[in-house]
Amino acid sequence: MPVYVSLVNFTQDGLATMKTRGITRSDAVKRNIESLGGKLLQAYYCLGEYDVVAIFDFPDNRAAMKAAVLNASMGHIRIKTMPAVSREEWKGILKETWGKKGKKK
């Protein structure tokens, strides 16, 4: 299944209600993902520009986009989602592009 990376920021409401609704919302996010055939592979809570970096499997771009809309519509997060490929897939792309040795033709 295709892999997606989401960069997430908590909204002001998300921060203000973290104590009372944080875990409940986190569970709802996971249910939304699973309802669209996706799987949360990992979530990292961060310091810095983004509050969470999450990695998912989704069947396709449409499912990933629906999950982003569903989860952002809850009002506690803003999401930037992008497709990603593994290092091995990237190496295959380079080989397909420039030949078996990876050299530019």
N, C-alpha and C. Protein backbone atom coordinates (compact mmCIF):
# COMPACT_ATOMS: atom_id res chain seq x y z
N MET A 1 0.85 -1.18 0.00
CA MET A 1 0.00 0.00 0.00
C MET A 1 0.89 1.24 0.00
N PRO A 2 0.46 2.30 -0.67
CA PRO A 2 1.23 3.54 -0.66
C PRO A 2 1.37 4.12 0.75
N VAL A 3 2.51 4.74 0.99
CA VAL A 3 2.83 5.35 2.28
C VAL A 3 2.65 6.86 2.18
N TYR A 4 2.16 7.46 3.26
CA TYR A 4 1.95 8.91 3.34
C TYR A 4 2.53 9.42 4.64
N VAL A 5 3.05 10.64 4.59
CA VAL A 5 3.57 11.31 5.78
C VAL A 5 2.72 12.55 6.01
N SER A 6 2.26 12.71 7.23
CA SER A 6 1.49 13.91 7.59
C SER A 6 2.28 14.73 8.60
N LEU A 7 2.35 16.03 8.35
CA LEU A 7 2.94 16.99 9.27
C LEU A 7 1.77 17.70 9.93
N VAL A 8 1.69 17.63 11.24
CA VAL A 8 0.51 18.06 11.97
C VAL A 8 0.86 19.16 12.98
N ASN A 9 -0.02 20.15 13.05
CA ASN A 9 0.06 21.17 14.09
C ASN A 9 -1.24 21.19 14.86
N PHE A 10 -1.14 21.34 16.18
CA PHE A 10 -2.34 21.51 16.99
C PHE A 10 -2.85 22.94 16.81
N THR A 11 -4.16 23.08 16.75
CA THR A 11 -4.76 24.42 16.72
C THR A 11 -4.83 24.95 18.15
N GLN A 12 -5.22 26.19 18.29
CA GLN A 12 -5.37 26.76 19.64
C GLN A 12 -6.41 25.97 20.43
N ASP A 13 -7.52 25.61 19.77
CA ASP A 13 -8.55 24.80 20.43
C ASP A 13 -8.00 23.43 20.82
N GLY A 14 -7.20 22.86 19.94
CA GLY A 14 -6.60 21.56 20.23
C GLY A 14 -5.72 21.60 21.46
N LEU A 15 -4.95 22.67 21.59
CA LEU A 15 -4.10 22.82 22.77
C LEU A 15 -4.92 23.08 24.03
N ALA A 16 -5.93 23.95 23.89
CA ALA A 16 -6.73 24.34 25.06
C ALA A 16 -7.53 23.16 25.62
N THR A 17 -7.88 22.22 24.79
CA THR A 17 -8.70 21.08 25.23
C THR A 17 -7.92 19.77 25.29
N MET A 18 -6.60 19.85 25.20
CA MET A 18 -5.75 18.65 25.19
C MET A 18 -5.99 17.78 26.42
N LYS A 19 -6.08 18.38 27.59
CA LYS A 19 -6.22 17.62 28.82
C LYS A 19 -7.52 16.83 28.86
N THR A 20 -8.61 17.45 28.41
CA THR A 20 -9.92 16.81 28.53
C THR A 20 -10.30 15.95 27.33
N ARG A 21 -9.74 16.24 26.14
CA ARG A 21 -10.17 15.50 24.94
C ARG A 21 -9.04 14.95 24.09
N GLY A 22 -7.80 15.10 24.52
CA GLY A 22 -6.66 14.69 23.69
C GLY A 22 -6.67 13.23 23.29
N ILE A 23 -6.86 12.34 24.25
CA ILE A 23 -6.84 10.91 23.96
C ILE A 23 -8.05 10.50 23.14
N THR A 24 -9.21 11.05 23.46
CA THR A 24 -10.43 10.74 22.71
C THR A 24 -10.27 11.13 21.25
N ARG A 25 -9.73 12.32 20.99
CA ARG A 25 -9.52 12.78 19.61
C ARG A 25 -8.50 11.92 18.90
N SER A 26 -7.44 11.55 19.59
CA SER A 26 -6.42 10.69 18.99
C SER A 26 -7.03 9.36 18.55
N ASP A 27 -7.88 8.80 19.38
CA ASP A 27 -8.57 7.55 19.02
C ASP A 27 -9.50 7.76 17.83
N ALA A 28 -10.19 8.90 17.77
CA ALA A 28 -11.09 9.20 16.65
C ALA A 28 -10.30 9.35 15.35
N VAL A 29 -9.14 9.96 15.42
CA VAL A 29 -8.28 10.09 14.23
C VAL A 29 -7.92 8.71 13.70
N LYS A 30 -7.52 7.82 14.59
CA LYS A 30 -7.16 6.46 14.17
C LYS A 30 -8.36 5.73 13.56
N ARG A 31 -9.53 5.88 14.15
CA ARG A 31 -10.75 5.24 13.60
C ARG A 31 -11.05 5.79 12.20
N ASN A 32 -10.92 7.11 12.01
CA ASN A 32 -11.15 7.69 10.68
C ASN A 32 -10.21 7.09 9.65
N ILE A 33 -8.96 6.95 10.01
CA ILE A 33 -7.97 6.37 9.10
C ILE A 33 -8.35 4.94 8.74
N GLU A 34 -8.67 4.15 9.74
CA GLU A 34 -9.02 2.75 9.51
C GLU A 34 -10.31 2.60 8.72
N SER A 35 -11.26 3.52 8.91
CA SER A 35 -12.53 3.44 8.19
C SER A 35 -12.35 3.64 6.69
N LEU A 36 -11.22 4.21 6.29
CA LEU A 36 -10.92 4.46 4.88
C LEU A 36 -9.90 3.46 4.33
N GLY A 37 -9.68 2.39 5.06
CA GLY A 37 -8.75 1.35 4.61
C GLY A 37 -7.30 1.66 4.91
N GLY A 38 -7.05 2.69 5.73
CA GLY A 38 -5.68 3.07 6.06
C GLY A 38 -5.21 2.45 7.35
N LYS A 39 -3.93 2.64 7.61
CA LYS A 39 -3.33 2.14 8.84
C LYS A 39 -2.30 3.15 9.32
N LEU A 40 -2.39 3.52 10.58
CA LEU A 40 -1.39 4.38 11.19
C LEU A 40 -0.17 3.51 11.50
N LEU A 41 0.94 3.77 10.81
CA LEU A 41 2.15 2.98 11.03
C LEU A 41 2.93 3.49 12.23
N GLN A 42 2.99 4.82 12.38
CA GLN A 42 3.72 5.41 13.49
C GLN A 42 3.36 6.88 13.62
N ALA A 43 3.40 7.38 14.82
CA ALA A 43 3.21 8.81 15.07
C ALA A 43 4.29 9.24 16.05
N TYR A 44 4.94 10.35 15.70
CA TYR A 44 5.99 10.91 16.54
C TYR A 44 5.55 12.30 16.97
N TYR A 45 5.58 12.55 18.26
CA TYR A 45 5.23 13.86 18.80
C TYR A 45 6.53 14.63 18.95
N CYS A 46 6.54 15.87 18.46
CA CYS A 46 7.79 16.58 18.22
C CYS A 46 7.85 17.94 18.91
N LEU A 47 9.05 18.43 19.06
CA LEU A 47 9.31 19.81 19.41
C LEU A 47 9.69 20.52 18.11
N GLY A 48 9.36 21.78 17.98
CA GLY A 48 9.75 22.50 16.77
C GLY A 48 8.57 22.92 15.94
N GLU A 49 8.78 22.98 14.62
CA GLU A 49 7.78 23.52 13.70
C GLU A 49 6.48 22.70 13.67
N TYR A 50 6.59 21.39 13.79
CA TYR A 50 5.41 20.52 13.75
C TYR A 50 5.25 19.82 15.08
N ASP A 51 4.00 19.61 15.47
CA ASP A 51 3.70 18.93 16.73
C ASP A 51 3.71 17.41 16.60
N VAL A 52 3.33 16.93 15.42
CA VAL A 52 3.28 15.49 15.17
C VAL A 52 3.74 15.21 13.75
N VAL A 53 4.48 14.14 13.59
CA VAL A 53 4.79 13.58 12.27
C VAL A 53 4.20 12.18 12.28
N ALA A 54 3.27 11.92 11.38
CA ALA A 54 2.59 10.62 11.35
C ALA A 54 2.84 9.94 10.01
N ILE A 55 2.98 8.63 10.05
CA ILE A 55 3.24 7.84 8.86
C ILE A 55 2.11 6.82 8.72
N PHE A 56 1.52 6.78 7.52
CA PHE A 56 0.35 5.95 7.26
C PHE A 56 0.52 5.12 6.01
N ASP A 57 -0.26 4.05 5.93
CA ASP A 57 -0.56 3.35 4.68
C ASP A 57 -1.98 3.72 4.32
N PHE A 58 -2.22 4.02 3.05
CA PHE A 58 -3.57 4.21 2.53
C PHE A 58 -3.67 3.51 1.19
N PRO A 59 -4.87 3.08 0.82
CA PRO A 59 -5.02 2.43 -0.48
C PRO A 59 -4.66 3.34 -1.66
N ASP A 60 -4.94 4.64 -1.52
CA ASP A 60 -4.69 5.57 -2.63
C ASP A 60 -4.78 7.01 -2.13
N ASN A 61 -4.52 7.94 -3.05
CA ASN A 61 -4.55 9.37 -2.70
C ASN A 61 -5.92 9.81 -2.21
N ARG A 62 -6.98 9.29 -2.81
CA ARG A 62 -8.33 9.70 -2.41
C ARG A 62 -8.59 9.36 -0.93
N ALA A 63 -8.21 8.17 -0.52
CA ALA A 63 -8.42 7.77 0.87
C ALA A 63 -7.58 8.64 1.81
N ALA A 64 -6.35 8.94 1.42
CA ALA A 64 -5.49 9.80 2.24
C ALA A 64 -6.08 11.20 2.36
N MET A 65 -6.62 11.72 1.26
CA MET A 65 -7.22 13.05 1.28
C MET A 65 -8.48 13.08 2.14
N LYS A 66 -9.30 12.04 2.02
CA LYS A 66 -10.51 11.97 2.84
C LYS A 66 -10.16 11.94 4.32
N ALA A 67 -9.15 11.17 4.69
CA ALA A 67 -8.74 11.09 6.09
C ALA A 67 -8.26 12.45 6.58
N ALA A 68 -7.49 13.15 5.76
CA ALA A 68 -7.00 14.48 6.16
C ALA A 68 -8.16 15.44 6.38
N VAL A 69 -9.15 15.39 5.50
CA VAL A 69 -10.32 16.27 5.64
C VAL A 69 -11.12 15.91 6.89
N LEU A 70 -11.39 14.62 7.07
CA LEU A 70 -12.15 14.18 8.25
C LEU A 70 -11.45 14.59 9.55
N ASN A 71 -10.15 14.35 9.59
CA ASN A 71 -9.43 14.63 10.84
C ASN A 71 -9.25 16.12 11.08
N ALA A 72 -8.98 16.89 10.06
CA ALA A 72 -8.85 18.35 10.23
C ALA A 72 -10.19 18.98 10.59
N SER A 73 -11.28 18.39 10.10
CA SER A 73 -12.60 18.98 10.37
C SER A 73 -13.00 18.87 11.84
N MET A 74 -12.30 18.07 12.62
CA MET A 74 -12.59 18.00 14.05
C MET A 74 -12.14 19.28 14.76
N GLY A 75 -11.28 20.06 14.12
CA GLY A 75 -10.92 21.38 14.63
C GLY A 75 -9.73 21.46 15.54
N HIS A 76 -9.11 20.34 15.87
CA HIS A 76 -7.99 20.39 16.81
C HIS A 76 -6.62 20.32 16.16
N ILE A 77 -6.59 20.04 14.84
CA ILE A 77 -5.31 19.95 14.14
C ILE A 77 -5.40 20.56 12.74
N ARG A 78 -4.23 20.96 12.23
CA ARG A 78 -4.03 21.31 10.83
C ARG A 78 -3.06 20.28 10.27
N ILE A 79 -3.32 19.81 9.04
CA ILE A 79 -2.55 18.70 8.49
C ILE A 79 -2.01 19.04 7.11
N LYS A 80 -0.75 18.65 6.88
CA LYS A 80 -0.14 18.65 5.54
C LYS A 80 0.25 17.21 5.27
N THR A 81 -0.33 16.61 4.24
CA THR A 81 -0.06 15.20 3.94
C THR A 81 0.58 15.08 2.58
N MET A 82 1.56 14.18 2.49
CA MET A 82 2.25 13.97 1.22
C MET A 82 2.58 12.50 1.03
N PRO A 83 2.55 12.03 -0.22
CA PRO A 83 2.96 10.66 -0.48
C PRO A 83 4.46 10.53 -0.29
N ALA A 84 4.90 9.34 0.08
CA ALA A 84 6.32 9.10 0.29
C ALA A 84 6.69 7.72 -0.25
N VAL A 85 7.96 7.55 -0.59
CA VAL A 85 8.45 6.25 -1.03
C VAL A 85 9.64 5.87 -0.16
N SER A 86 9.82 4.58 0.00
CA SER A 86 10.94 4.07 0.79
C SER A 86 12.27 4.29 0.05
N ARG A 87 13.34 4.10 0.76
CA ARG A 87 14.67 4.24 0.15
C ARG A 87 14.83 3.23 -0.99
N GLU A 88 14.34 2.02 -0.79
CA GLU A 88 14.44 1.00 -1.84
C GLU A 88 13.62 1.40 -3.08
N GLU A 89 12.42 1.92 -2.85
CA GLU A 89 11.61 2.38 -3.98
C GLU A 89 12.31 3.53 -4.71
N TRP A 90 12.92 4.43 -3.94
CA TRP A 90 13.64 5.56 -4.53
C TRP A 90 14.79 5.07 -5.41
N LYS A 91 15.52 4.08 -4.92
CA LYS A 91 16.61 3.52 -5.73
C LYS A 91 16.06 2.93 -7.03
N GLY A 92 14.92 2.27 -6.97
CA GLY A 92 14.30 1.73 -8.18
C GLY A 92 13.89 2.82 -9.15
N ILE A 93 13.38 3.92 -8.62
CA ILE A 93 13.00 5.06 -9.47
C ILE A 93 14.24 5.60 -10.19
N LEU A 94 15.34 5.73 -9.46
CA LEU A 94 16.57 6.23 -10.08
C LEU A 94 17.07 5.28 -11.15
N LYS A 95 17.02 4.00 -10.89
CA LYS A 95 17.44 3.01 -11.89
C LYS A 95 16.56 3.08 -13.13
N GLU A 96 15.25 3.20 -12.94
CA GLU A 96 14.33 3.32 -14.09
C GLU A 96 14.61 4.59 -14.88
N THR A 97 14.96 5.65 -14.18
CA THR A 97 15.18 6.94 -14.82
C THR A 97 16.50 6.98 -15.59
N TRP A 98 17.58 6.47 -14.97
CA TRP A 98 18.91 6.62 -15.57
C TRP A 98 19.61 5.32 -15.89
N GLY A 99 18.91 4.22 -15.82
CA GLY A 99 19.52 2.95 -16.16
C GLY A 99 20.03 2.21 -14.94
N LYS A 100 20.46 1.00 -15.14
CA LYS A 100 20.82 0.09 -14.05
C LYS A 100 21.92 0.63 -13.15
N LYS A 101 22.87 1.36 -13.67
CA LYS A 101 23.98 1.84 -12.84
C LYS A 101 23.67 3.17 -12.17
N GLY A 102 22.50 3.73 -12.44
CA GLY A 102 22.13 4.98 -11.80
C GLY A 102 22.82 6.20 -12.40
N LYS A 103 23.47 6.01 -13.55
CA LYS A 103 24.17 7.15 -14.18
C LYS A 103 23.23 7.85 -15.15
N LYS A 104 23.39 9.15 -15.26
CA LYS A 104 22.60 9.93 -16.18
C LYS A 104 23.02 9.61 -17.61
N LYS A 105 22.03 9.37 -18.47
CA LYS A 105 22.33 9.06 -19.87
C LYS A 105 22.56 10.31 -20.67
